[in-house]
Amino acid sequence: MASAGSGRPGRPRPLVVLGLDSATPEHLFGQCLPRMPNVQKLLAHGVHSVLTSADPPISIPSWPVMLTGVDPGTLGLYGFRHRKDFSYTETYGPTSKLPVPSVWELFSAAGRRVCTIGMPPGYPPLHLNGISISDFLTPAGATDWTYPPSLATELESRFGRYRFDVTFRATERRQLYRDIVQMTQQRWAIAEELYQREPWDVFAIHEIGVDRLHHAYTKYFDPSHRAFVPGNPLEHVVEEYYAIVDECIGRLLAHVPEDAVVVLASDHGSMAMSGCFCINAWLAEHGYLRFKTTPKGPTPFEKCDVDWAHTTVWGAGGYYARLFYNIAGREAQGIVLPADVPALREKLTRELSALTGPDGAPMPVRFLDPVTTYESVVGDPPDLMAYFGELKWRSAGSLGHPSLYLEENDTGPDDAVHSYDGVFAVSDPRSPTGSAIAAQAIRDVAPTLLAIGGLPIPRHIQGRRIVADVPCLTGPA
């Protein structure tokens, strides 16, 4: 870190937040740590732990849960896609317009100078007292991806076309790796440049490349993956990439005042994917879902000729199954009477609970009802959420496959799914040692960041401030 102090008499120390999407404790705190000297320095002062993700453990809603301190139901965010107004096929994605303010907005409203780069959900960019750069969910071709707007032209004139993301579900992996590295290095070079412009009170950067590496390369480096081959040319790609991220962190922190508090976090972890379970095919086999014309060959659900007059339940795929009931008076062609929903749910969960995998062994299925899972429910939630095989099996919404079980993701090559175990670390240079603490909850991060920054914790926040024997974490809650 830079030798100069914050230069802010009477103001809290600068806060730097490093978000590494999908970084795992096994890699960041273990396997890759010997090649990450800058992370080692951070962990030597303060505390670190596993960070237990949200339900569902997906970037959306997990990042906004982390950065607002409220659960997914309160945010109305249940994944990357939500069905619109009880439509059978229309969907919409998340934006930065949330029902409660993020920590960045709270710091900004308190007069702090704030810079955020890629923190999800980041589009449209937040109008902060400072700078905001949009995230990996930015629509293709968007030109309004920075605040202030003029910053986009300036950055692209200096650093080239800005890369929000890469096409990670690709078969060609060597070029993809180069793309991930180029994206990462560009983003952190921009962060270096922006950090040096002024003495920021709060500075945050999110890196999506870690997530993309796990999705695209897990079968090359994880011996637990069914397709892992020892000695393959990409076996050490995870250590190589984490080392590159560490170099980027080091270059940024070289400009950070020596008294700054640095928080490092990931939204969830990553683990080898077992395969995909075709939820709509199962529903059709068990009489819940019917078609006027049976799909021939792999077909997205939205393009299927559904017989809604005889359909009671249908699903949407992804990291988990979103299940919807075709309720009379709610859906356009609903047939399930509201009074019959409890019996339908009981029958559906009982039959799905008897699910077996392709090897005939029982497949665990976990069900979540948004109404009882979250403190409040807004937006367009599924009627029921189902996790298959302890999240190691994705849910495939498409139909027309030869089996209920797919070895690959139905939307493109993918080696990994998400785990609950992310990472969390608070590095305080005033702490003489670093230590591991018990696992923490993701919605407790927001009130902790506010407390570190010296702001009161609003009453709407559901999480609790993390307290540990570290100078920036002690004091009145």
Protein backbone atom coordinates (compact mmCIF):
# COMPACT_ATOMS: atom_id res chain seq x y z
CA MET A 1 0.00 0.00 0.00
CA ALA A 2 1.00 3.60 -0.45
CA SER A 3 2.88 5.11 2.46
CA ALA A 4 0.71 8.20 2.73
CA GLY A 5 -2.24 8.18 5.12
CA SER A 6 -5.77 9.10 4.22
CA GLY A 7 -5.29 12.79 4.87
CA ARG A 8 -8.82 13.07 6.24
CA PRO A 9 -8.66 14.32 9.84
CA GLY A 10 -11.72 13.16 11.75
CA ARG A 11 -13.04 11.03 8.88
CA PRO A 12 -13.14 7.23 8.73
CA ARG A 13 -10.29 5.51 7.02
CA PRO A 14 -10.60 4.76 3.30
CA LEU A 15 -12.51 1.58 2.47
CA VAL A 16 -11.56 -0.63 -0.48
CA VAL A 17 -13.81 -3.53 -1.49
CA LEU A 18 -12.49 -6.27 -3.80
CA GLY A 19 -15.23 -8.50 -5.19
CA LEU A 20 -14.08 -11.76 -6.77
CA ASP A 21 -17.11 -13.46 -8.25
CA SER A 22 -17.27 -17.19 -7.38
CA ALA A 23 -13.88 -17.27 -5.61
CA THR A 24 -13.78 -20.32 -3.37
CA PRO A 25 -12.23 -20.83 0.08
CA GLU A 26 -10.50 -23.93 -1.26
CA HIS A 27 -8.63 -21.89 -3.84
CA LEU A 28 -8.26 -18.40 -2.34
CA PHE A 29 -7.39 -19.57 1.17
CA GLY A 30 -5.77 -22.84 0.12
CA GLN A 31 -4.60 -24.23 -3.21
CA CYS A 32 -3.85 -20.92 -4.94
CA LEU A 33 -2.68 -18.91 -1.93
CA PRO A 34 1.05 -19.78 -2.29
CA ARG A 35 0.96 -17.94 -5.64
CA MET A 36 -0.95 -14.94 -4.24
CA PRO A 37 1.52 -12.87 -2.15
CA ASN A 38 -0.72 -9.81 -2.11
CA VAL A 39 -3.69 -11.74 -0.76
CA GLN A 40 -1.33 -13.30 1.77
CA LYS A 41 -0.48 -9.79 3.01
CA LEU A 42 -4.16 -8.96 3.34
CA LEU A 43 -4.90 -12.10 5.30
CA ALA A 44 -1.98 -11.39 7.65
CA HIS A 45 -3.93 -8.49 9.21
CA GLY A 46 -7.54 -8.88 10.32
CA VAL A 47 -9.90 -11.79 9.87
CA HIS A 48 -11.11 -14.07 7.13
CA SER A 49 -13.84 -16.67 6.83
CA VAL A 50 -16.16 -18.63 4.65
CA LEU A 51 -19.07 -16.44 3.52
CA THR A 52 -22.35 -18.36 3.33
CA SER A 53 -24.25 -17.26 0.25
CA ALA A 54 -27.92 -16.47 -0.29
CA ASP A 55 -30.75 -18.69 -1.49
CA PRO A 56 -30.32 -19.17 -4.37
CA PRO A 57 -26.50 -18.91 -4.39
CA ILE A 58 -26.30 -17.10 -7.72
CA SER A 59 -24.56 -13.78 -8.50
CA ILE A 60 -28.03 -12.31 -8.74
CA PRO A 61 -29.36 -12.23 -6.01
CA SER A 62 -26.20 -12.84 -3.95
CA TRP A 63 -24.31 -9.62 -4.75
CA PRO A 64 -27.31 -7.34 -4.12
CA VAL A 65 -28.04 -9.26 -0.90
CA MET A 66 -24.43 -8.64 0.17
CA LEU A 67 -24.57 -4.96 -0.74
CA THR A 68 -28.02 -4.09 0.66
CA GLY A 69 -28.23 -6.36 3.71
CA VAL A 70 -31.68 -7.72 2.86
CA ASP A 71 -32.78 -11.09 1.49
CA PRO A 72 -33.72 -11.97 -2.12
CA GLY A 73 -37.45 -11.87 -1.47
CA THR A 74 -37.25 -8.35 -0.09
CA LEU A 75 -35.28 -7.36 -3.20
CA GLY A 76 -37.57 -9.25 -5.56
CA LEU A 77 -34.54 -10.97 -7.10
CA TYR A 78 -34.66 -14.75 -7.54
CA GLY A 79 -32.07 -15.23 -10.27
CA PHE A 80 -31.00 -13.77 -13.59
CA ARG A 81 -34.46 -14.14 -15.12
CA HIS A 82 -37.96 -13.52 -13.79
CA ARG A 83 -41.23 -14.16 -15.52
CA LYS A 84 -43.19 -11.01 -16.21
CA ASP A 85 -46.69 -10.39 -14.89
CA PHE A 86 -47.65 -14.09 -14.70
CA SER A 87 -46.79 -14.56 -18.36
CA TYR A 88 -46.04 -18.07 -19.58
CA THR A 89 -43.00 -17.03 -21.61
CA GLU A 90 -42.12 -13.35 -21.10
CA THR A 91 -39.17 -12.67 -18.80
CA TYR A 92 -37.07 -9.76 -17.59
CA GLY A 93 -33.65 -9.37 -16.00
CA PRO A 94 -32.37 -7.47 -12.96
CA THR A 95 -31.21 -3.87 -12.97
CA SER A 96 -29.53 -1.57 -10.47
CA LYS A 97 -32.90 -0.09 -9.52
CA LEU A 98 -33.51 -1.89 -6.22
CA PRO A 99 -36.28 -1.34 -3.64
CA VAL A 100 -33.69 -0.49 -0.96
CA PRO A 101 -30.42 1.45 -1.33
CA SER A 102 -27.06 -0.24 -1.75
CA VAL A 103 -24.16 0.61 0.53
CA TRP A 104 -22.68 2.66 -2.33
CA GLU A 105 -25.79 4.84 -2.43
CA LEU A 106 -25.79 5.23 1.35
CA PHE A 107 -22.14 6.28 1.39
CA SER A 108 -22.79 8.65 -1.50
CA ALA A 109 -25.83 10.21 0.20
CA ALA A 110 -23.67 10.80 3.28
CA GLY A 111 -21.29 12.92 1.22
CA ARG A 112 -18.57 10.31 0.76
CA ARG A 113 -16.66 10.12 -2.48
CA VAL A 114 -17.40 6.73 -4.01
CA CYS A 115 -16.07 4.83 -7.03
CA THR A 116 -17.55 1.47 -8.04
CA ILE A 117 -16.45 -0.67 -10.98
CA GLY A 118 -18.69 -3.51 -12.12
CA MET A 119 -20.46 -4.18 -8.82
CA PRO A 120 -23.68 -6.13 -9.60
CA PRO A 121 -26.34 -5.23 -10.34
CA GLY A 122 -24.70 -2.26 -12.01
CA TYR A 123 -26.81 -1.30 -15.01
CA PRO A 124 -27.85 1.39 -15.47
CA PRO A 125 -24.86 2.87 -13.61
CA LEU A 126 -25.69 4.41 -10.26
CA HIS A 127 -25.58 8.20 -10.03
CA LEU A 128 -23.12 8.45 -7.17
CA ASN A 129 -21.10 11.18 -5.58
CA GLY A 130 -18.18 10.01 -7.65
CA ILE A 131 -17.89 7.36 -10.38
CA SER A 132 -19.88 4.27 -11.32
CA ILE A 133 -19.06 1.75 -14.07
CA SER A 134 -21.67 -0.82 -15.06
CA ASP A 135 -21.39 -4.60 -14.62
CA PHE A 136 -21.38 -7.81 -16.66
CA LEU A 137 -25.17 -7.57 -17.11
CA THR A 138 -24.82 -4.46 -19.28
CA PRO A 139 -26.83 -4.96 -22.49
CA ALA A 140 -24.84 -5.46 -25.69
CA GLY A 141 -24.30 -2.19 -27.49
CA ALA A 142 -25.14 -0.01 -24.48
CA THR A 143 -23.38 3.34 -24.48
CA ASP A 144 -24.68 4.58 -21.12
CA TRP A 145 -22.43 2.37 -18.99
CA THR A 146 -20.63 4.96 -16.88
CA TYR A 147 -21.49 7.76 -14.54
CA PRO A 148 -20.62 10.44 -15.38
CA PRO A 149 -21.51 9.54 -19.01
CA SER A 150 -18.43 11.21 -20.47
CA LEU A 151 -16.18 8.73 -18.67
CA ALA A 152 -17.03 5.92 -21.12
CA THR A 153 -15.54 7.72 -24.10
CA GLU A 154 -12.47 8.70 -22.12
CA LEU A 155 -11.82 5.15 -20.89
CA GLU A 156 -12.28 3.54 -24.30
CA SER A 157 -9.96 6.06 -25.92
CA ARG A 158 -7.24 5.03 -23.48
CA PHE A 159 -7.93 1.35 -22.82
CA GLY A 160 -9.83 0.19 -25.90
CA ARG A 161 -13.31 -1.31 -26.06
CA TYR A 162 -14.41 -2.09 -22.52
CA ARG A 163 -15.06 -5.77 -21.86
CA PHE A 164 -17.91 -6.36 -19.46
CA ASP A 165 -17.79 -10.15 -19.85
CA VAL A 166 -16.68 -13.02 -22.06
CA THR A 167 -18.63 -15.76 -23.82
CA PHE A 168 -17.65 -18.43 -21.35
CA ARG A 169 -19.90 -21.26 -22.57
CA ALA A 170 -17.59 -21.95 -25.48
CA THR A 171 -15.88 -25.07 -26.80
CA GLU A 172 -12.59 -23.36 -27.67
CA ARG A 173 -10.89 -22.91 -24.31
CA ARG A 174 -7.42 -21.50 -25.09
CA GLN A 175 -8.70 -18.31 -26.73
CA LEU A 176 -11.32 -18.03 -23.99
CA TYR A 177 -8.57 -18.03 -21.37
CA ARG A 178 -6.76 -15.24 -23.19
CA ASP A 179 -10.03 -13.31 -23.33
CA ILE A 180 -10.62 -13.75 -19.58
CA VAL A 181 -7.09 -12.57 -18.77
CA GLN A 182 -7.36 -9.58 -21.12
CA MET A 183 -10.71 -8.58 -19.62
CA THR A 184 -9.36 -8.87 -16.09
CA GLN A 185 -6.17 -6.92 -16.75
CA GLN A 186 -8.08 -4.15 -18.54
CA ARG A 187 -10.55 -3.74 -15.69
CA TRP A 188 -7.86 -3.52 -13.04
CA ALA A 189 -5.73 -1.17 -15.12
CA ILE A 190 -8.75 1.14 -15.26
CA ALA A 191 -9.17 0.75 -11.51
CA GLU A 192 -5.53 1.79 -11.00
CA GLU A 193 -6.05 4.85 -13.14
CA LEU A 194 -9.25 5.89 -11.40
CA TYR A 195 -7.90 5.30 -7.91
CA GLN A 196 -5.11 7.77 -8.49
CA ARG A 197 -7.46 10.58 -9.50
CA GLU A 198 -8.50 11.53 -6.00
CA PRO A 199 -8.47 10.31 -2.37
CA TRP A 200 -11.58 8.11 -2.50
CA ASP A 201 -13.52 7.41 0.67
CA VAL A 202 -14.95 4.19 -0.78
CA PHE A 203 -13.57 2.30 -3.77
CA ALA A 204 -14.96 -1.01 -5.03
CA ILE A 205 -14.22 -3.33 -7.93
CA HIS A 206 -15.91 -6.55 -9.04
CA GLU A 207 -14.16 -9.19 -11.14
CA ILE A 208 -16.37 -11.60 -13.10
CA GLY A 209 -13.39 -13.42 -14.60
CA VAL A 210 -13.01 -15.70 -11.57
CA ASP A 211 -16.52 -17.03 -12.10
CA ARG A 212 -15.95 -17.52 -15.82
CA LEU A 213 -12.75 -19.44 -15.17
CA HIS A 214 -14.51 -21.88 -12.85
CA HIS A 215 -17.38 -22.43 -15.27
CA ALA A 216 -15.13 -23.02 -18.26
CA TYR A 217 -12.19 -24.92 -16.76
CA THR A 218 -13.29 -26.89 -13.69
CA LYS A 219 -13.07 -30.21 -15.53
CA TYR A 220 -9.43 -29.44 -16.30
CA PHE A 221 -8.30 -28.70 -12.73
CA ASP A 222 -10.79 -30.34 -10.36
CA PRO A 223 -10.17 -34.09 -9.79
CA SER A 224 -13.77 -34.47 -8.56
CA HIS A 225 -15.15 -33.61 -12.00
CA ARG A 226 -16.28 -36.69 -13.92
CA ALA A 227 -14.29 -35.58 -17.02
CA PHE A 228 -11.03 -34.68 -15.24
CA VAL A 229 -7.91 -36.19 -16.83
CA PRO A 230 -4.68 -35.95 -14.77
CA GLY A 231 -1.81 -34.31 -16.58
CA ASN A 232 -3.94 -32.42 -19.09
CA PRO A 233 -2.40 -29.19 -20.49
CA LEU A 234 -4.81 -26.96 -18.52
CA GLU A 235 -4.52 -28.73 -15.18
CA HIS A 236 -2.90 -25.71 -13.48
CA VAL A 237 -4.98 -22.98 -15.11
CA VAL A 238 -6.73 -22.10 -11.83
CA GLU A 239 -3.45 -21.35 -10.01
CA GLU A 240 -2.22 -19.36 -13.02
CA TYR A 241 -5.34 -17.21 -13.20
CA TYR A 242 -5.65 -16.61 -9.45
CA ALA A 243 -1.99 -15.48 -9.56
CA ILE A 244 -2.86 -12.98 -12.29
CA VAL A 245 -5.74 -11.64 -10.18
CA ASP A 246 -3.33 -11.34 -7.26
CA GLU A 247 -0.93 -9.28 -9.39
CA CYS A 248 -3.81 -6.97 -10.31
CA ILE A 249 -4.75 -6.61 -6.64
CA GLY A 250 -1.16 -5.76 -5.77
CA ARG A 251 -0.89 -3.05 -8.40
CA LEU A 252 -4.12 -1.44 -7.20
CA LEU A 253 -3.20 -1.63 -3.52
CA ALA A 254 0.14 0.06 -4.25
CA HIS A 255 -1.87 3.27 -4.58
CA VAL A 256 -4.06 2.76 -1.51
CA PRO A 257 -3.23 4.67 1.70
CA GLU A 258 -1.54 2.57 4.34
CA ASP A 259 -4.38 3.06 6.83
CA ALA A 260 -7.11 1.83 4.45
CA VAL A 261 -9.36 -1.05 5.38
CA VAL A 262 -9.58 -3.63 2.58
CA VAL A 263 -12.51 -6.04 2.32
CA LEU A 264 -12.29 -9.02 -0.02
CA ALA A 265 -15.41 -11.07 -0.75
CA SER A 266 -17.08 -13.45 -3.16
CA ASP A 267 -20.79 -13.95 -3.63
CA HIS A 268 -20.69 -17.76 -3.67
CA GLY A 269 -18.30 -20.59 -4.34
CA SER A 270 -17.96 -23.08 -7.18
CA MET A 271 -17.98 -26.86 -7.54
CA ALA A 272 -17.96 -29.47 -10.27
CA MET A 273 -21.25 -29.89 -12.11
CA SER A 274 -22.69 -33.41 -12.20
CA GLY A 275 -25.06 -32.65 -15.07
CA CYS A 276 -28.51 -31.30 -15.85
CA PHE A 277 -31.88 -32.66 -14.80
CA CYS A 278 -34.64 -31.97 -17.33
CA ILE A 279 -37.37 -30.64 -15.07
CA ASN A 280 -40.01 -30.00 -17.75
CA ALA A 281 -39.50 -33.45 -19.26
CA TRP A 282 -40.06 -34.95 -15.82
CA LEU A 283 -43.18 -32.82 -15.32
CA ALA A 284 -44.48 -34.02 -18.67
CA GLU A 285 -43.78 -37.67 -17.81
CA HIS A 286 -45.75 -37.29 -14.58
CA GLY A 287 -48.74 -35.56 -16.14
CA TYR A 288 -48.22 -32.05 -14.79
CA LEU A 289 -47.22 -30.57 -18.16
CA ARG A 290 -48.84 -31.41 -21.49
CA PHE A 291 -48.21 -30.46 -25.10
CA LYS A 292 -50.39 -30.12 -28.15
CA THR A 293 -47.39 -31.19 -30.21
CA THR A 294 -44.61 -33.23 -28.62
CA PRO A 295 -41.21 -31.51 -29.02
CA LYS A 296 -38.92 -33.30 -31.49
CA GLY A 297 -35.28 -32.73 -30.66
CA PRO A 298 -33.88 -30.23 -28.13
CA THR A 299 -36.33 -27.32 -27.92
CA PRO A 300 -36.42 -24.31 -25.58
CA PHE A 301 -39.56 -24.36 -23.45
CA GLU A 302 -40.64 -20.98 -24.83
CA LYS A 303 -40.89 -22.53 -28.32
CA CYS A 304 -42.93 -25.57 -27.26
CA ASP A 305 -46.63 -25.94 -28.10
CA VAL A 306 -47.96 -26.26 -24.55
CA ASP A 307 -51.49 -27.44 -23.89
CA TRP A 308 -52.24 -24.98 -21.10
CA ALA A 309 -55.80 -26.21 -20.74
CA HIS A 310 -54.39 -29.46 -19.29
CA THR A 311 -51.16 -28.19 -17.63
CA THR A 312 -50.93 -27.68 -13.88
CA VAL A 313 -47.17 -27.08 -13.35
CA TRP A 314 -44.27 -26.01 -15.53
CA GLY A 315 -40.69 -25.06 -14.80
CA ALA A 316 -37.79 -22.87 -15.83
CA GLY A 317 -34.19 -24.04 -15.86
CA GLY A 318 -30.96 -22.64 -14.50
CA TYR A 319 -28.93 -23.36 -11.39
CA TYR A 320 -32.19 -24.46 -9.79
CA ALA A 321 -35.72 -25.18 -10.98
CA ARG A 322 -38.25 -22.40 -10.77
CA LEU A 323 -41.67 -24.05 -10.64
CA PHE A 324 -44.94 -22.32 -11.43
CA TYR A 325 -48.54 -23.39 -10.89
CA ASN A 326 -51.11 -22.69 -13.60
CA ILE A 327 -53.63 -21.04 -11.29
CA ALA A 328 -57.15 -20.11 -12.35
CA GLY A 329 -57.71 -16.35 -12.20
CA ARG A 330 -53.95 -15.65 -12.16
CA GLU A 331 -52.53 -17.17 -15.33
CA ALA A 332 -54.26 -16.43 -18.64
CA GLN A 333 -55.28 -20.08 -19.07
CA GLY A 334 -55.06 -21.17 -15.44
CA ILE A 335 -56.84 -24.35 -14.38
CA VAL A 336 -55.67 -24.98 -10.79
CA LEU A 337 -58.15 -23.63 -8.27
CA PRO A 338 -56.41 -21.60 -5.53
CA ALA A 339 -57.90 -23.91 -2.90
CA ASP A 340 -56.23 -26.89 -4.61
CA VAL A 341 -52.71 -25.43 -4.57
CA PRO A 342 -51.64 -26.96 -1.21
CA ALA A 343 -52.60 -30.46 -2.38
CA LEU A 344 -50.85 -29.92 -5.70
CA ARG A 345 -47.71 -28.75 -3.94
CA GLU A 346 -47.77 -31.72 -1.57
CA LYS A 347 -48.13 -34.19 -4.45
CA LEU A 348 -45.42 -32.46 -6.53
CA THR A 349 -42.87 -32.34 -3.72
CA ARG A 350 -43.60 -35.94 -2.69
CA GLU A 351 -43.07 -37.26 -6.19
CA LEU A 352 -39.97 -35.16 -6.86
CA SER A 353 -38.55 -36.26 -3.51
CA ALA A 354 -38.50 -39.83 -4.86
CA LEU A 355 -36.21 -38.77 -7.71
CA THR A 356 -33.23 -40.95 -8.54
CA GLY A 357 -30.17 -40.08 -10.58
CA PRO A 358 -29.02 -41.76 -13.78
CA ASP A 359 -27.23 -44.39 -11.67
CA GLY A 360 -30.45 -45.28 -9.84
CA ALA A 361 -29.28 -43.82 -6.54
CA PRO A 362 -31.55 -41.34 -4.72
CA MET A 363 -31.04 -37.72 -5.78
CA PRO A 364 -31.57 -35.27 -2.93
CA VAL A 365 -34.10 -32.55 -3.73
CA ARG A 366 -34.47 -29.48 -1.55
CA PHE A 367 -37.58 -27.31 -1.83
CA LEU A 368 -37.95 -23.66 -0.88
CA ASP A 369 -41.19 -21.72 -0.78
CA PRO A 370 -40.33 -18.03 -1.27
CA VAL A 371 -43.18 -16.96 1.01
CA THR A 372 -41.78 -18.85 3.99
CA THR A 373 -38.08 -18.60 3.07
CA TYR A 374 -37.79 -14.81 2.96
CA GLU A 375 -38.79 -12.06 5.36
CA SER A 376 -40.89 -10.49 2.62
CA VAL A 377 -41.65 -11.28 -1.00
CA VAL A 378 -41.96 -8.75 -3.81
CA GLY A 379 -41.59 -8.87 -7.57
CA ASP A 380 -42.29 -12.06 -9.50
CA PRO A 381 -41.13 -15.06 -7.46
CA PRO A 382 -41.52 -18.69 -8.51
CA ASP A 383 -44.21 -20.61 -6.68
CA LEU A 384 -41.64 -23.19 -5.62
CA MET A 385 -37.86 -23.51 -5.86
CA ALA A 386 -36.12 -26.88 -6.20
CA TYR A 387 -32.41 -27.68 -5.81
CA PHE A 388 -31.22 -30.99 -7.26
CA GLY A 389 -28.37 -33.13 -5.96
CA GLU A 390 -27.27 -30.51 -3.42
CA LEU A 391 -26.97 -28.00 -6.27
CA LYS A 392 -24.55 -30.19 -8.25
CA TRP A 393 -27.26 -30.83 -10.86
CA ARG A 394 -28.52 -27.88 -12.87
CA SER A 395 -32.11 -27.68 -14.00
CA ALA A 396 -32.69 -27.88 -17.76
CA GLY A 397 -35.86 -26.16 -18.93
CA SER A 398 -35.62 -27.31 -22.55
CA LEU A 399 -37.34 -30.44 -23.86
CA GLY A 400 -36.82 -33.08 -26.53
CA HIS A 401 -33.67 -34.63 -25.07
CA PRO A 402 -33.19 -38.43 -25.18
CA SER A 403 -32.93 -38.64 -21.37
CA LEU A 404 -33.97 -36.82 -18.22
CA TYR A 405 -30.27 -36.42 -17.44
CA LEU A 406 -27.74 -34.45 -19.49
CA GLU A 407 -24.00 -34.55 -19.00
CA GLU A 408 -23.69 -30.97 -20.27
CA ASN A 409 -25.63 -27.79 -19.62
CA ASP A 410 -28.46 -27.42 -22.15
CA THR A 411 -27.44 -23.81 -22.91
CA GLY A 412 -23.78 -24.48 -23.71
CA PRO A 413 -20.64 -26.11 -22.30
CA ASP A 414 -20.28 -25.55 -18.56
CA ASP A 415 -18.12 -27.39 -16.03
CA ALA A 416 -19.27 -25.85 -12.76
CA VAL A 417 -22.23 -24.99 -10.58
CA HIS A 418 -22.36 -22.76 -7.53
CA SER A 419 -21.76 -23.71 -3.92
CA TYR A 420 -22.81 -21.83 -0.82
CA ASP A 421 -19.25 -21.26 0.37
CA GLY A 422 -17.82 -17.94 -0.76
CA VAL A 423 -14.99 -15.99 0.88
CA PHE A 424 -14.82 -12.99 3.16
CA ALA A 425 -11.85 -11.12 4.59
CA VAL A 426 -11.37 -7.82 6.38
CA SER A 427 -7.79 -6.61 6.26
CA ASP A 428 -7.00 -3.92 8.80
CA PRO A 429 -3.35 -2.78 8.88
CA ARG A 430 -3.81 -1.85 12.55
CA SER A 431 -4.50 -5.48 13.42
CA PRO A 432 -1.22 -7.17 14.41
CA THR A 433 -2.25 -10.62 13.19
CA GLY A 434 -4.60 -12.38 10.85
CA SER A 435 -6.95 -15.15 11.89
CA ALA A 436 -9.76 -17.31 10.62
CA ILE A 437 -13.21 -16.88 12.17
CA ALA A 438 -16.45 -18.83 11.91
CA ALA A 439 -18.47 -18.71 8.71
CA GLN A 440 -20.38 -15.46 8.19
CA ALA A 441 -23.70 -14.74 6.46
CA ILE A 442 -23.74 -12.79 3.22
CA ARG A 443 -26.38 -10.27 4.25
CA ASP A 444 -24.21 -9.30 7.24
CA VAL A 445 -21.62 -7.74 4.92
CA ALA A 446 -23.59 -4.55 4.17
CA PRO A 447 -24.02 -3.44 7.79
CA THR A 448 -20.36 -4.33 8.38
CA LEU A 449 -19.21 -2.12 5.52
CA LEU A 450 -21.36 0.74 6.80
CA ALA A 451 -19.95 0.33 10.31
CA ILE A 452 -16.37 0.31 8.99
CA GLY A 453 -17.17 3.50 7.09
CA GLY A 454 -18.66 5.16 10.14
CA LEU A 455 -22.27 5.28 8.94
CA PRO A 456 -25.33 4.28 10.99
CA ILE A 457 -27.03 1.06 9.97
CA PRO A 458 -30.54 1.74 8.62
CA ARG A 459 -33.41 -0.07 10.31
CA HIS A 460 -34.53 -1.80 7.12
CA ILE A 461 -31.31 -3.85 6.96
CA GLN A 462 -31.95 -7.44 8.01
CA GLY A 463 -28.31 -8.45 8.46
CA ARG A 464 -26.20 -7.85 11.54
CA ARG A 465 -22.82 -6.23 11.71
CA ILE A 466 -19.94 -8.70 11.92
CA VAL A 467 -17.98 -8.11 15.11
CA ALA A 468 -14.46 -9.42 15.64
CA ASP A 469 -11.33 -8.47 17.56
CA VAL A 470 -10.07 -6.20 14.78
CA PRO A 471 -9.81 -2.40 15.22
CA CYS A 472 -12.17 -1.51 12.35
CA LEU A 473 -14.75 -4.06 13.55
CA THR A 474 -14.83 -3.13 17.21
CA GLY A 475 -16.71 -0.30 18.84
CA PRO A 476 -20.43 0.41 19.23
CA ALA A 477 -22.68 -1.57 16.89
